[in-house]
Amino acid sequence: MRFLVLALSLSGALMLSACGLSPMYAGGGDGRVAQGLASVSVSPIAGQQGWLMRDALVERLGDGGAGTRYRLDVRLDDQLEGLGLLGDDTIGRERRTLRARYRLVDLTTGETMLDATAGSDAGIDVVSSEYATIAAEQTALENLTREVAQIIVTNVALHLRSAG
């Protein structure tokens, strides 16, 4: 039985190596992508949404430190719109949408290496308690910020991987 498991494991590993896929973070912390991400500094972003976004990006990228080679500029668009209208003409549901336009700039050449957008949205139930609704709106913003930051970091990593 152990021989069969070992044989299947080895054949699976051989098939995966032949498919052309390679890990994005090959080399761990010393790999090209990890080093590239560690050399990205995030510009200040205006507003509460900007503070949350910058914090989420720095958490994933680091602060750039002395080895900063790239700058990430981000502009946010945060929209909150009422959706479901109830019988008494009150809003029963809201949608919060967070969109980010971001640019990765090479500081040595001043060239924009990546110019893209990312976004996500969340539905919010509007309840009779105004406090609960405001808390739900804030939680949605925090969650959306983390989601969009992860999309940005993944796209930057993919670009650094293909550019190197």
Protein backbone atom coordinates (compact mmCIF):
# COMPACT_ATOMS: atom_id res chain seq x y z
CA MET A 1 0.00 0.00 0.00
CA ARG A 2 2.80 2.43 0.89
CA PHE A 3 4.50 1.67 -2.41
CA LEU A 4 1.32 2.59 -4.31
CA VAL A 5 0.97 5.91 -2.45
CA LEU A 6 4.63 6.72 -3.07
CA ALA A 7 4.37 5.85 -6.77
CA LEU A 8 1.25 8.02 -7.19
CA SER A 9 2.89 10.92 -5.35
CA LEU A 10 5.98 10.79 -7.52
CA SER A 11 3.99 10.54 -10.75
CA GLY A 12 1.84 13.50 -9.65
CA ALA A 13 4.94 15.57 -8.89
CA LEU A 14 6.42 14.72 -12.29
CA MET A 15 3.21 15.71 -14.09
CA LEU A 16 3.05 19.04 -12.25
CA SER A 17 6.64 19.86 -13.07
CA ALA A 18 5.94 19.22 -16.74
CA CYS A 19 2.92 21.55 -16.91
CA GLY A 20 5.02 24.76 -16.98
CA LEU A 21 3.67 26.17 -13.72
CA SER A 22 6.13 27.64 -11.29
CA PRO A 23 5.52 29.10 -7.85
CA MET A 24 5.19 32.89 -7.75
CA TYR A 25 7.28 33.18 -4.61
CA ALA A 26 10.02 30.80 -5.73
CA GLY A 27 13.10 31.34 -3.60
CA GLY A 28 11.10 32.44 -0.55
CA GLY A 29 12.14 35.78 0.95
CA ASP A 30 15.25 35.88 -1.27
CA GLY A 31 13.30 35.36 -4.50
CA ARG A 32 12.82 38.01 -7.16
CA VAL A 33 9.13 38.66 -6.42
CA ALA A 34 9.56 38.85 -2.65
CA GLN A 35 12.51 41.23 -3.02
CA GLY A 36 10.55 43.35 -5.50
CA LEU A 37 7.53 43.58 -3.20
CA ALA A 38 9.77 44.50 -0.26
CA SER A 39 11.16 47.42 -2.28
CA VAL A 40 7.75 49.06 -2.86
CA SER A 41 6.83 52.14 -0.85
CA VAL A 42 3.20 53.20 -0.65
CA SER A 43 2.39 56.89 -1.09
CA PRO A 44 0.02 58.54 1.40
CA ILE A 45 -3.65 58.21 0.42
CA ALA A 46 -6.18 60.87 1.47
CA GLY A 47 -9.10 60.24 3.84
CA GLN A 48 -10.13 57.46 6.21
CA GLN A 49 -10.44 55.03 3.33
CA GLY A 50 -6.93 56.01 2.27
CA TRP A 51 -5.51 55.42 5.72
CA LEU A 52 -7.12 51.98 5.85
CA MET A 53 -5.88 51.12 2.33
CA ARG A 54 -2.33 52.31 2.96
CA ASP A 55 -2.22 50.36 6.22
CA ALA A 56 -3.44 47.19 4.47
CA LEU A 57 -0.89 47.61 1.67
CA VAL A 58 2.03 48.29 4.03
CA GLU A 59 1.01 45.24 6.06
CA ARG A 60 1.39 43.08 2.94
CA LEU A 61 4.36 44.84 1.30
CA GLY A 62 6.36 46.28 4.16
CA ASP A 63 7.34 49.93 4.36
CA GLY A 64 9.87 49.88 1.53
CA GLY A 65 12.66 50.92 3.89
CA ALA A 66 16.04 52.04 2.62
CA GLY A 67 15.92 49.73 -0.41
CA THR A 68 12.91 51.44 -2.01
CA ARG A 69 12.91 51.00 -5.77
CA TYR A 70 9.22 51.40 -6.59
CA ARG A 71 6.44 53.73 -5.49
CA LEU A 72 2.80 52.67 -5.41
CA ASP A 73 0.34 55.54 -5.94
CA VAL A 74 -3.32 54.78 -5.19
CA ARG A 75 -6.50 56.82 -5.72
CA LEU A 76 -9.71 55.54 -4.17
CA ASP A 77 -13.37 55.90 -5.07
CA ASP A 78 -15.70 54.84 -2.25
CA GLN A 79 -19.44 54.80 -3.01
CA LEU A 80 -22.35 53.96 -0.74
CA GLU A 81 -25.72 53.67 -2.46
CA GLY A 82 -29.17 52.71 -1.27
CA LEU A 83 -30.81 49.79 -2.99
CA GLY A 84 -33.95 48.03 -1.76
CA LEU A 85 -36.78 50.49 -1.11
CA LEU A 86 -39.27 49.29 1.49
CA GLY A 87 -43.03 49.93 1.59
CA ASP A 88 -42.58 52.92 3.92
CA ASP A 89 -40.10 54.55 1.48
CA THR A 90 -37.04 53.69 3.57
CA ILE A 91 -33.92 52.01 2.25
CA GLY A 92 -33.62 48.35 3.27
CA ARG A 93 -30.28 47.53 1.66
CA GLU A 94 -27.13 49.38 0.70
CA ARG A 95 -24.16 48.57 -1.49
CA ARG A 96 -20.69 49.83 -0.68
CA THR A 97 -18.27 49.85 -3.60
CA LEU A 98 -14.55 50.51 -3.25
CA ARG A 99 -12.51 51.04 -6.41
CA ALA A 100 -8.79 51.76 -6.57
CA ARG A 101 -6.74 53.12 -9.45
CA TYR A 102 -3.10 52.37 -8.80
CA ARG A 103 0.22 53.00 -10.49
CA LEU A 104 3.55 51.31 -9.84
CA VAL A 105 6.36 53.74 -10.60
CA ASP A 106 10.02 52.77 -11.00
CA LEU A 107 11.90 55.40 -8.98
CA THR A 108 15.15 54.96 -10.92
CA THR A 109 13.61 55.80 -14.30
CA GLY A 110 10.35 57.55 -13.35
CA GLU A 111 8.55 55.10 -15.66
CA THR A 112 5.04 53.88 -14.81
CA MET A 113 5.42 50.12 -14.85
CA LEU A 114 1.82 49.25 -14.04
CA ASP A 115 -1.37 51.31 -14.28
CA ALA A 116 -4.48 49.38 -13.33
CA THR A 117 -7.68 49.31 -11.31
CA ALA A 118 -9.06 46.97 -8.68
CA GLY A 119 -12.32 46.94 -6.81
CA SER A 120 -14.87 45.09 -4.81
CA ASP A 121 -18.32 45.66 -3.34
CA ALA A 122 -20.41 44.50 -0.40
CA GLY A 123 -24.09 44.45 0.47
CA ILE A 124 -25.27 45.92 3.76
CA ASP A 125 -28.61 45.40 5.47
CA VAL A 126 -30.11 48.62 6.79
CA VAL A 127 -31.72 47.90 10.14
CA SER A 128 -33.80 49.98 12.54
CA SER A 129 -30.76 50.80 14.68
CA GLU A 130 -28.79 53.62 13.08
CA TYR A 131 -25.74 52.65 15.13
CA ALA A 132 -25.85 49.08 13.82
CA THR A 133 -26.15 50.31 10.23
CA ILE A 134 -23.18 52.68 10.64
CA ALA A 135 -21.15 49.88 12.22
CA ALA A 136 -22.04 47.58 9.30
CA GLU A 137 -21.00 50.27 6.80
CA GLN A 138 -17.65 50.71 8.59
CA THR A 139 -17.04 46.95 8.76
CA ALA A 140 -17.83 46.68 5.04
CA LEU A 141 -15.27 49.41 4.31
CA GLU A 142 -12.60 47.65 6.38
CA ASN A 143 -13.27 44.31 4.66
CA LEU A 144 -13.34 45.85 1.19
CA THR A 145 -10.07 47.63 1.89
CA ARG A 146 -8.36 44.35 2.76
CA GLU A 147 -9.81 42.62 -0.33
CA VAL A 148 -8.78 45.40 -2.73
CA ALA A 149 -5.31 45.66 -1.13
CA GLN A 150 -4.81 41.92 -1.68
CA ILE A 151 -5.84 42.26 -5.34
CA ILE A 152 -3.38 45.14 -5.79
CA VAL A 153 -0.50 43.24 -4.15
CA THR A 154 -1.21 40.13 -6.24
CA ASN A 155 -1.25 42.17 -9.47
CA VAL A 156 1.97 43.97 -8.51
CA ALA A 157 3.60 40.60 -7.72
CA LEU A 158 2.48 39.17 -11.07
CA HIS A 159 3.86 42.22 -12.87
CA LEU A 160 7.21 42.06 -11.03
CA ARG A 161 7.44 38.36 -11.81
CA SER A 162 6.85 38.85 -15.53
CA ALA A 163 9.04 41.98 -15.73
CA GLY A 164 12.07 40.32 -14.15
